Amino acid sequence: MVFVVPDLSSAVFWAALWKIIVANIILSGDNAVVIAMACHNLSDRYRKPAILFGSAGAIGLRIVFCAVIGLLLAVPYLKLVGGALLLWIGIKLLIEEDEEAKIKAHDNIWAAIWTIIVADAVMSLDNAIAIAAAAKGDFTLIVIGLVISIPIIVLGATLISRVLDRFPWLGLVGAGLIGWIAGEVMAGEGRLDQTDASGRLIEVVRSGTIADWLDRTVPHAETVAGALGAGLVLVAGLSLARLHGRRAEKN
């Protein structure tokens, strides 16, 4: 990665910047759901700062990912670990949705910010690869493109959070979606989203990986894994929430 002064008069610069912004927004729809789920139990006073700082922290971490993408790709089974972590985040968020909050909002804000950053880190590896490819090694482009994307992601998370306020049952859908993403992440160990020379997103599967094996042995492997992940989060989350509720009643 190189950091250079951008040539604002260059059409190539603006074309590459546009690719980065669009790729980041397209690949961040799921992230907006996680941000909304983590923050919507907070009071209005703390919700906006949590969304803003959580999103900013997540974008900062994504910039780091883009800078060290080669090292990250060399870590074996990274997506398996990340997917397992995302499963736990989905279960944890569902428990928090189902039980009455006993912690004050100003105590929860830091937990919400941390949840956003960790979940985004798990979900953003492919994003980072696509963004780094679109930037062609220009670190300046990566930073500018991701920073410009922050307001759009924050707006999306804010709107989703308001919908969750109005329709609380959608929290189940959101938790299930997080579980689905976790299953897909784990099944996608070895599967990468990249951009080709024209800037289009393409899928690449490395041979000898879990994704390669699943593609050859399990029909619709990612869909199956996603359904299993969603089911696990919903069953485990609701069961643990009920268990916590019973304990609270006894106390």
C-alpha atoms as a PDB file:
ATOM      1  CA  MET A   1       0.000   0.000   0.000  1.00  0.00           C
ATOM      2  CA  VAL A   2       1.195   3.511  -0.800  1.00  0.00           C
ATOM      3  CA  PHE A   3       0.026   6.877   0.486  1.00  0.00           C
ATOM      4  CA  VAL A   4       0.197   9.621  -2.138  1.00  0.00           C
ATOM      5  CA  VAL A   5      -1.325  13.053  -2.684  1.00  0.00           C
ATOM      6  CA  PRO A   6      -4.400  12.475  -4.874  1.00  0.00           C
ATOM      7  CA  ASP A   7      -4.684  14.128  -8.264  1.00  0.00           C
ATOM      8  CA  LEU A   8      -8.188  15.605  -8.001  1.00  0.00           C
ATOM      9  CA  SER A   9      -8.174  16.478 -11.696  1.00  0.00           C
ATOM     10  CA  SER A  10      -7.685  12.855 -12.708  1.00  0.00           C
ATOM     11  CA  ALA A  11     -10.695  10.928 -14.031  1.00  0.00           C
ATOM     12  CA  VAL A  12      -8.962   7.719 -12.954  1.00  0.00           C
ATOM     13  CA  PHE A  13      -8.922   8.931  -9.322  1.00  0.00           C
ATOM     14  CA  TRP A  14     -12.646   9.743  -9.308  1.00  0.00           C
ATOM     15  CA  ALA A  15     -13.549   6.480 -11.057  1.00  0.00           C
ATOM     16  CA  ALA A  16     -11.577   4.430  -8.502  1.00  0.00           C
ATOM     17  CA  LEU A  17     -13.037   6.446  -5.599  1.00  0.00           C
ATOM     18  CA  TRP A  18     -16.546   5.786  -6.901  1.00  0.00           C
ATOM     19  CA  LYS A  19     -15.824   2.038  -7.115  1.00  0.00           C
ATOM     20  CA  ILE A  20     -14.621   1.983  -3.501  1.00  0.00           C
ATOM     21  CA  ILE A  21     -17.650   3.869  -2.173  1.00  0.00           C
ATOM     22  CA  VAL A  22     -20.151   1.736  -4.099  1.00  0.00           C
ATOM     23  CA  ALA A  23     -18.428  -1.535  -3.146  1.00  0.00           C
ATOM     24  CA  ASN A  24     -18.327  -0.521   0.509  1.00  0.00           C
ATOM     25  CA  ILE A  25     -22.006   0.467   0.581  1.00  0.00           C
ATOM     26  CA  ILE A  26     -23.143  -2.687  -1.232  1.00  0.00           C
ATOM     27  CA  LEU A  27     -21.112  -4.918   1.077  1.00  0.00           C
ATOM     28  CA  SER A  28     -22.131  -3.044   4.252  1.00  0.00           C
ATOM     29  CA  GLY A  29     -25.883  -3.634   4.210  1.00  0.00           C
ATOM     30  CA  ASP A  30     -25.555  -6.517   6.690  1.00  0.00           C
ATOM     31  CA  ASN A  31     -23.273  -4.420   8.871  1.00  0.00           C
ATOM     32  CA  ALA A  32     -25.984  -1.754   9.188  1.00  0.00           C
ATOM     33  CA  VAL A  33     -28.339  -4.371  10.649  1.00  0.00           C
ATOM     34  CA  VAL A  34     -25.768  -5.337  13.291  1.00  0.00           C
ATOM     35  CA  ILE A  35     -25.187  -1.677  14.170  1.00  0.00           C
ATOM     36  CA  ALA A  36     -28.933  -1.099  14.548  1.00  0.00           C
ATOM     37  CA  MET A  37     -29.407  -4.254  16.645  1.00  0.00           C
ATOM     38  CA  ALA A  38     -26.567  -3.287  18.971  1.00  0.00           C
ATOM     39  CA  CYS A  39     -27.860   0.252  19.532  1.00  0.00           C
ATOM     40  CA  HIS A  40     -31.623   0.295  19.414  1.00  0.00           C
ATOM     41  CA  ASN A  41     -32.057  -0.611  23.121  1.00  0.00           C
ATOM     42  CA  LEU A  42     -30.148   2.535  24.052  1.00  0.00           C
ATOM     43  CA  SER A  43     -31.987   5.755  24.843  1.00  0.00           C
ATOM     44  CA  ASP A  44     -32.106   8.400  22.108  1.00  0.00           C
ATOM     45  CA  ARG A  45     -29.445  10.361  23.982  1.00  0.00           C
ATOM     46  CA  TYR A  46     -26.887   7.574  23.651  1.00  0.00           C
ATOM     47  CA  ARG A  47     -28.019   5.851  20.458  1.00  0.00           C
ATOM     48  CA  LYS A  48     -26.671   8.361  17.940  1.00  0.00           C
ATOM     49  CA  PRO A  49     -23.211   8.633  19.578  1.00  0.00           C
ATOM     50  CA  ALA A  50     -22.995   4.824  19.750  1.00  0.00           C
ATOM     51  CA  ILE A  51     -23.877   4.462  16.069  1.00  0.00           C
ATOM     52  CA  LEU A  52     -21.479   7.244  15.069  1.00  0.00           C
ATOM     53  CA  PHE A  53     -18.483   6.129  17.127  1.00  0.00           C
ATOM     54  CA  GLY A  54     -19.111   2.436  16.498  1.00  0.00           C
ATOM     55  CA  SER A  55     -19.300   3.035  12.732  1.00  0.00           C
ATOM     56  CA  ALA A  56     -16.215   5.255  12.796  1.00  0.00           C
ATOM     57  CA  GLY A  57     -14.280   2.637  14.759  1.00  0.00           C
ATOM     58  CA  ALA A  58     -15.416  -0.079  12.351  1.00  0.00           C
ATOM     59  CA  ILE A  59     -14.353   1.978   9.331  1.00  0.00           C
ATOM     60  CA  GLY A  60     -10.982   2.664  10.968  1.00  0.00           C
ATOM     61  CA  LEU A  61     -10.492  -1.051  11.494  1.00  0.00           C
ATOM     62  CA  ARG A  62     -11.490  -1.692   7.873  1.00  0.00           C
ATOM     63  CA  ILE A  63      -8.765   0.731   6.756  1.00  0.00           C
ATOM     64  CA  VAL A  64      -6.255  -1.281   8.776  1.00  0.00           C
ATOM     65  CA  PHE A  65      -7.589  -4.481   7.178  1.00  0.00           C
ATOM     66  CA  CYS A  66      -7.041  -3.009   3.715  1.00  0.00           C
ATOM     67  CA  ALA A  67      -3.472  -2.127   4.636  1.00  0.00           C
ATOM     68  CA  VAL A  68      -2.586  -5.613   5.930  1.00  0.00           C
ATOM     69  CA  ILE A  69      -4.871  -7.663   3.686  1.00  0.00           C
ATOM     70  CA  GLY A  70      -2.043  -9.928   2.564  1.00  0.00           C
ATOM     71  CA  LEU A  71      -1.288 -10.956   6.138  1.00  0.00           C
ATOM     72  CA  LEU A  72      -4.970 -11.526   6.928  1.00  0.00           C
ATOM     73  CA  LEU A  73      -5.402 -13.819   3.937  1.00  0.00           C
ATOM     74  CA  ALA A  74      -2.513 -15.934   5.207  1.00  0.00           C
ATOM     75  CA  VAL A  75      -4.242 -16.670   8.538  1.00  0.00           C
ATOM     76  CA  PRO A  76      -5.751 -20.188   8.294  1.00  0.00           C
ATOM     77  CA  TYR A  77      -9.386 -20.691   9.292  1.00  0.00           C
ATOM     78  CA  LEU A  78      -9.855 -16.996  10.060  1.00  0.00           C
ATOM     79  CA  LYS A  79     -13.437 -17.078   8.786  1.00  0.00           C
ATOM     80  CA  LEU A  80     -14.289 -20.076  10.962  1.00  0.00           C
ATOM     81  CA  VAL A  81     -13.210 -18.209  14.081  1.00  0.00           C
ATOM     82  CA  GLY A  82     -14.937 -15.047  12.908  1.00  0.00           C
ATOM     83  CA  GLY A  83     -18.151 -16.899  12.086  1.00  0.00           C
ATOM     84  CA  ALA A  84     -18.229 -18.531  15.529  1.00  0.00           C
ATOM     85  CA  LEU A  85     -17.756 -15.108  17.108  1.00  0.00           C
ATOM     86  CA  LEU A  86     -20.575 -13.714  14.989  1.00  0.00           C
ATOM     87  CA  LEU A  87     -22.862 -16.546  16.133  1.00  0.00           C
ATOM     88  CA  TRP A  88     -22.221 -15.547  19.733  1.00  0.00           C
ATOM     89  CA  ILE A  89     -22.889 -11.883  18.926  1.00  0.00           C
ATOM     90  CA  GLY A  90     -26.241 -12.830  17.367  1.00  0.00           C
ATOM     91  CA  ILE A  91     -27.205 -14.898  20.419  1.00  0.00           C
ATOM     92  CA  LYS A  92     -26.092 -12.143  22.789  1.00  0.00           C
ATOM     93  CA  LEU A  93     -28.077  -9.481  20.944  1.00  0.00           C
ATOM     94  CA  LEU A  94     -31.179 -11.688  20.950  1.00  0.00           C
ATOM     95  CA  ILE A  95     -30.878 -12.218  24.721  1.00  0.00           C
ATOM     96  CA  GLU A  96     -30.623  -8.467  25.203  1.00  0.00           C
ATOM     97  CA  GLU A  97     -33.680  -7.971  22.976  1.00  0.00           C
ATOM     98  CA  ASP A  98     -35.782 -10.439  24.941  1.00  0.00           C
ATOM     99  CA  GLU A  99     -34.936  -9.525  28.507  1.00  0.00           C
ATOM    100  CA  GLU A 100     -35.535  -6.301  30.388  1.00  0.00           C
ATOM    101  CA  ALA A 101     -32.443  -4.111  30.486  1.00  0.00           C
ATOM    102  CA  LYS A 102     -31.058  -3.876  34.004  1.00  0.00           C
ATOM    103  CA  ILE A 103     -28.041  -1.766  33.041  1.00  0.00           C
ATOM    104  CA  LYS A 104     -28.293   1.965  32.499  1.00  0.00           C
ATOM    105  CA  ALA A 105     -27.942   3.255  28.950  1.00  0.00           C
ATOM    106  CA  HIS A 106     -24.709   5.115  29.646  1.00  0.00           C
ATOM    107  CA  ASP A 107     -23.161   1.822  30.788  1.00  0.00           C
ATOM    108  CA  ASN A 108     -24.405   0.000  27.695  1.00  0.00           C
ATOM    109  CA  ILE A 109     -23.120   2.508  25.141  1.00  0.00           C
ATOM    110  CA  TRP A 110     -19.537   1.218  25.326  1.00  0.00           C
ATOM    111  CA  ALA A 111     -20.726  -2.378  25.022  1.00  0.00           C
ATOM    112  CA  ALA A 112     -22.743  -1.381  21.946  1.00  0.00           C
ATOM    113  CA  ILE A 113     -19.748   0.362  20.366  1.00  0.00           C
ATOM    114  CA  TRP A 114     -17.546  -2.659  21.050  1.00  0.00           C
ATOM    115  CA  THR A 115     -20.149  -5.036  19.588  1.00  0.00           C
ATOM    116  CA  ILE A 116     -20.337  -2.934  16.416  1.00  0.00           C
ATOM    117  CA  ILE A 117     -16.570  -2.870  15.946  1.00  0.00           C
ATOM    118  CA  VAL A 118     -16.074  -6.601  16.608  1.00  0.00           C
ATOM    119  CA  ALA A 119     -19.001  -7.683  14.408  1.00  0.00           C
ATOM    120  CA  ASP A 120     -17.950  -5.382  11.594  1.00  0.00           C
ATOM    121  CA  ALA A 121     -14.409  -6.733  11.793  1.00  0.00           C
ATOM    122  CA  VAL A 122     -15.714 -10.273  11.313  1.00  0.00           C
ATOM    123  CA  MET A 123     -17.978  -9.310   8.410  1.00  0.00           C
ATOM    124  CA  SER A 124     -15.580  -6.968   6.615  1.00  0.00           C
ATOM    125  CA  LEU A 125     -12.752  -9.198   5.414  1.00  0.00           C
ATOM    126  CA  ASP A 126     -14.284  -9.635   1.976  1.00  0.00           C
ATOM    127  CA  ASN A 127     -15.142  -5.922   1.908  1.00  0.00           C
ATOM    128  CA  ALA A 128     -11.517  -5.084   2.568  1.00  0.00           C
ATOM    129  CA  ILE A 129     -10.327  -7.347  -0.241  1.00  0.00           C
ATOM    130  CA  ALA A 130     -12.736  -5.776  -2.737  1.00  0.00           C
ATOM    131  CA  ILE A 131     -11.856  -2.253  -1.636  1.00  0.00           C
ATOM    132  CA  ALA A 132      -8.104  -2.896  -1.751  1.00  0.00           C
ATOM    133  CA  ALA A 133      -8.460  -4.362  -5.250  1.00  0.00           C
ATOM    134  CA  ALA A 134     -10.477  -1.360  -6.461  1.00  0.00           C
ATOM    135  CA  ALA A 135      -7.876   1.043  -5.056  1.00  0.00           C
ATOM    136  CA  LYS A 136      -5.003  -0.797  -6.798  1.00  0.00           C
ATOM    137  CA  GLY A 137      -2.728  -0.257  -3.798  1.00  0.00           C
ATOM    138  CA  ASP A 138      -3.508   3.466  -3.355  1.00  0.00           C
ATOM    139  CA  PHE A 139      -3.990   3.848   0.417  1.00  0.00           C
ATOM    140  CA  THR A 140      -5.162   7.463  -0.001  1.00  0.00           C
ATOM    141  CA  LEU A 141      -8.105   6.277  -2.083  1.00  0.00           C
ATOM    142  CA  ILE A 142      -9.009   3.658   0.505  1.00  0.00           C
ATOM    143  CA  VAL A 143      -9.073   6.181   3.359  1.00  0.00           C
ATOM    144  CA  ILE A 144     -11.074   8.798   1.433  1.00  0.00           C
ATOM    145  CA  GLY A 145     -13.570   6.249   0.085  1.00  0.00           C
ATOM    146  CA  LEU A 146     -14.248   4.666   3.454  1.00  0.00           C
ATOM    147  CA  VAL A 147     -14.559   7.982   5.281  1.00  0.00           C
ATOM    148  CA  ILE A 148     -17.081   9.203   2.703  1.00  0.00           C
ATOM    149  CA  SER A 149     -19.047   5.977   3.245  1.00  0.00           C
ATOM    150  CA  ILE A 150     -19.500   6.574   7.004  1.00  0.00           C
ATOM    151  CA  PRO A 151     -22.517   8.943   6.796  1.00  0.00           C
ATOM    152  CA  ILE A 152     -24.366   6.572   4.468  1.00  0.00           C
ATOM    153  CA  ILE A 153     -23.807   3.561   6.739  1.00  0.00           C
ATOM    154  CA  VAL A 154     -24.770   5.613   9.828  1.00  0.00           C
ATOM    155  CA  LEU A 155     -27.976   6.777   8.128  1.00  0.00           C
ATOM    156  CA  GLY A 156     -28.890   3.206   7.195  1.00  0.00           C
ATOM    157  CA  ALA A 157     -28.266   1.959  10.737  1.00  0.00           C
ATOM    158  CA  THR A 158     -30.301   4.843  12.217  1.00  0.00           C
ATOM    159  CA  LEU A 159     -33.286   4.090   9.978  1.00  0.00           C
ATOM    160  CA  ILE A 160     -33.159   0.355  10.779  1.00  0.00           C
ATOM    161  CA  SER A 161     -32.928   1.148  14.503  1.00  0.00           C
ATOM    162  CA  ARG A 162     -36.103   3.253  14.293  1.00  0.00           C
ATOM    163  CA  VAL A 163     -37.913   0.438  12.499  1.00  0.00           C
ATOM    164  CA  LEU A 164     -36.858  -1.946  15.293  1.00  0.00           C
ATOM    165  CA  ASP A 165     -38.305   0.499  17.834  1.00  0.00           C
ATOM    166  CA  ARG A 166     -41.655   0.450  16.055  1.00  0.00           C
ATOM    167  CA  PHE A 167     -41.707  -3.282  15.331  1.00  0.00           C
ATOM    168  CA  PRO A 168     -39.781  -5.038  18.145  1.00  0.00           C
ATOM    169  CA  TRP A 169     -40.475  -8.497  16.695  1.00  0.00           C
ATOM    170  CA  LEU A 170     -38.111  -7.595  13.852  1.00  0.00           C
ATOM    171  CA  GLY A 171     -35.329  -8.105  16.391  1.00  0.00           C
ATOM    172  CA  LEU A 172     -35.850 -11.839  15.842  1.00  0.00           C
ATOM    173  CA  VAL A 173     -35.408 -11.327  12.113  1.00  0.00           C
ATOM    174  CA  GLY A 174     -32.244  -9.285  12.708  1.00  0.00           C
ATOM    175  CA  ALA A 175     -30.764 -11.910  15.032  1.00  0.00           C
ATOM    176  CA  GLY A 176     -31.626 -14.630  12.538  1.00  0.00           C
ATOM    177  CA  LEU A 177     -29.922 -12.613   9.796  1.00  0.00           C
ATOM    178  CA  ILE A 178     -26.766 -12.303  11.892  1.00  0.00           C
ATOM    179  CA  GLY A 179     -26.821 -16.081  12.421  1.00  0.00           C
ATOM    180  CA  TRP A 180     -27.338 -16.593   8.690  1.00  0.00           C
ATOM    181  CA  ILE A 181     -24.349 -14.367   7.926  1.00  0.00           C
ATOM    182  CA  ALA A 182     -22.256 -16.278  10.483  1.00  0.00           C
ATOM    183  CA  GLY A 183     -23.096 -19.575   8.797  1.00  0.00           C
ATOM    184  CA  GLU A 184     -22.204 -18.156   5.383  1.00  0.00           C
ATOM    185  CA  VAL A 185     -18.946 -16.721   6.743  1.00  0.00           C
ATOM    186  CA  MET A 186     -17.889 -20.102   8.117  1.00  0.00           C
ATOM    187  CA  ALA A 187     -18.909 -21.943   4.944  1.00  0.00           C
ATOM    188  CA  GLY A 188     -17.059 -19.322   2.930  1.00  0.00           C
ATOM    189  CA  GLU A 189     -13.629 -20.112   4.365  1.00  0.00           C
ATOM    190  CA  GLY A 190     -11.569 -19.830   1.187  1.00  0.00           C
ATOM    191  CA  ARG A 191     -14.191 -17.875  -0.762  1.00  0.00           C
ATOM    192  CA  LEU A 192     -13.328 -14.231  -1.508  1.00  0.00           C
ATOM    193  CA  ASP A 193     -15.121 -11.294  -3.113  1.00  0.00           C
ATOM    194  CA  GLN A 194     -12.798  -9.296  -5.351  1.00  0.00           C
ATOM    195  CA  THR A 195     -13.090  -6.689  -8.087  1.00  0.00           C
ATOM    196  CA  ASP A 196     -12.018  -7.395 -11.652  1.00  0.00           C
ATOM    197  CA  ALA A 197     -10.330  -4.940 -14.020  1.00  0.00           C
ATOM    198  CA  SER A 198     -13.672  -3.288 -14.824  1.00  0.00           C
ATOM    199  CA  GLY A 199     -14.542  -2.802 -11.152  1.00  0.00           C
ATOM    200  CA  ARG A 200     -17.209  -5.526 -10.996  1.00  0.00           C
ATOM    201  CA  LEU A 201     -17.401  -7.743  -7.911  1.00  0.00           C
ATOM    202  CA  ILE A 202     -16.442 -11.344  -8.679  1.00  0.00           C
ATOM    203  CA  GLU A 203     -16.203 -14.437  -6.491  1.00  0.00           C
ATOM    204  CA  VAL A 204     -12.979 -16.426  -6.189  1.00  0.00           C
ATOM    205  CA  VAL A 205     -12.688 -19.809  -4.425  1.00  0.00           C
ATOM    206  CA  ARG A 206      -9.243 -21.060  -3.473  1.00  0.00           C
ATOM    207  CA  SER A 207      -8.665 -24.767  -4.098  1.00  0.00           C
ATOM    208  CA  GLY A 208      -8.268 -27.078  -1.122  1.00  0.00           C
ATOM    209  CA  THR A 209     -10.292 -24.844   1.215  1.00  0.00           C
ATOM    210  CA  ILE A 210     -13.512 -25.527   3.128  1.00  0.00           C
ATOM    211  CA  ALA A 211     -15.508 -23.508   0.588  1.00  0.00           C
ATOM    212  CA  ASP A 212     -14.018 -25.548  -2.249  1.00  0.00           C
ATOM    213  CA  TRP A 213     -14.864 -28.834  -0.492  1.00  0.00           C
ATOM    214  CA  LEU A 214     -18.417 -27.743   0.342  1.00  0.00           C
ATOM    215  CA  ASP A 215     -19.052 -26.603  -3.219  1.00  0.00           C
ATOM    216  CA  ARG A 216     -18.123 -30.060  -4.454  1.00  0.00           C
ATOM    217  CA  THR A 217     -19.998 -32.096  -1.824  1.00  0.00           C
ATOM    218  CA  VAL A 218     -22.991 -30.094  -0.498  1.00  0.00           C
ATOM    219  CA  PRO A 219     -25.578 -28.581  -2.859  1.00  0.00           C
ATOM    220  CA  HIS A 220     -26.220 -24.913  -2.072  1.00  0.00           C
ATOM    221  CA  ALA A 221     -23.685 -25.144   0.755  1.00  0.00           C
ATOM    222  CA  GLU A 222     -23.745 -21.472   1.795  1.00  0.00           C
ATOM    223  CA  THR A 223     -27.551 -21.435   1.942  1.00  0.00           C
ATOM    224  CA  VAL A 224     -27.579 -24.577   4.075  1.00  0.00           C
ATOM    225  CA  ALA A 225     -24.896 -23.147   6.379  1.00  0.00           C
ATOM    226  CA  GLY A 226     -26.769 -19.858   6.623  1.00  0.00           C
ATOM    227  CA  ALA A 227     -30.016 -21.600   7.566  1.00  0.00           C
ATOM    228  CA  LEU A 228     -28.209 -23.655  10.220  1.00  0.00           C
ATOM    229  CA  GLY A 229     -26.569 -20.518  11.618  1.00  0.00           C
ATOM    230  CA  ALA A 230     -29.875 -18.647  11.779  1.00  0.00           C
ATOM    231  CA  GLY A 231     -31.577 -21.593  13.465  1.00  0.00           C
ATOM    232  CA  LEU A 232     -28.777 -21.938  16.008  1.00  0.00           C
ATOM    233  CA  VAL A 233     -28.889 -18.253  16.961  1.00  0.00           C
ATOM    234  CA  LEU A 234     -32.682 -18.204  17.317  1.00  0.00           C
ATOM    235  CA  VAL A 235     -32.938 -21.454  19.292  1.00  0.00           C
ATOM    236  CA  ALA A 236     -29.953 -20.736  21.565  1.00  0.00           C
ATOM    237  CA  GLY A 237     -30.804 -17.053  21.990  1.00  0.00           C
ATOM    238  CA  LEU A 238     -34.465 -17.591  22.898  1.00  0.00           C
ATOM    239  CA  SER A 239     -33.614 -20.526  25.191  1.00  0.00           C
ATOM    240  CA  LEU A 240     -30.979 -18.545  27.073  1.00  0.00           C
ATOM    241  CA  ALA A 241     -33.273 -15.507  27.297  1.00  0.00           C
ATOM    242  CA  ARG A 242     -35.993 -17.649  28.880  1.00  0.00           C
ATOM    243  CA  LEU A 243     -33.470 -19.174  31.269  1.00  0.00           C
ATOM    244  CA  HIS A 244     -32.298 -15.706  32.310  1.00  0.00           C
ATOM    245  CA  GLY A 245     -35.918 -14.639  32.769  1.00  0.00           C
ATOM    246  CA  ARG A 246     -36.655 -17.564  35.077  1.00  0.00           C
ATOM    247  CA  ARG A 247     -33.559 -16.834  37.151  1.00  0.00           C
ATOM    248  CA  ALA A 248     -34.572 -13.179  37.413  1.00  0.00           C
ATOM    249  CA  GLU A 249     -38.068 -14.155  38.620  1.00  0.00           C
ATOM    250  CA  LYS A 250     -36.592 -16.390  41.321  1.00  0.00           C
ATOM    251  CA  ASN A 251     -34.320 -13.582  42.518  1.00  0.00           C
END
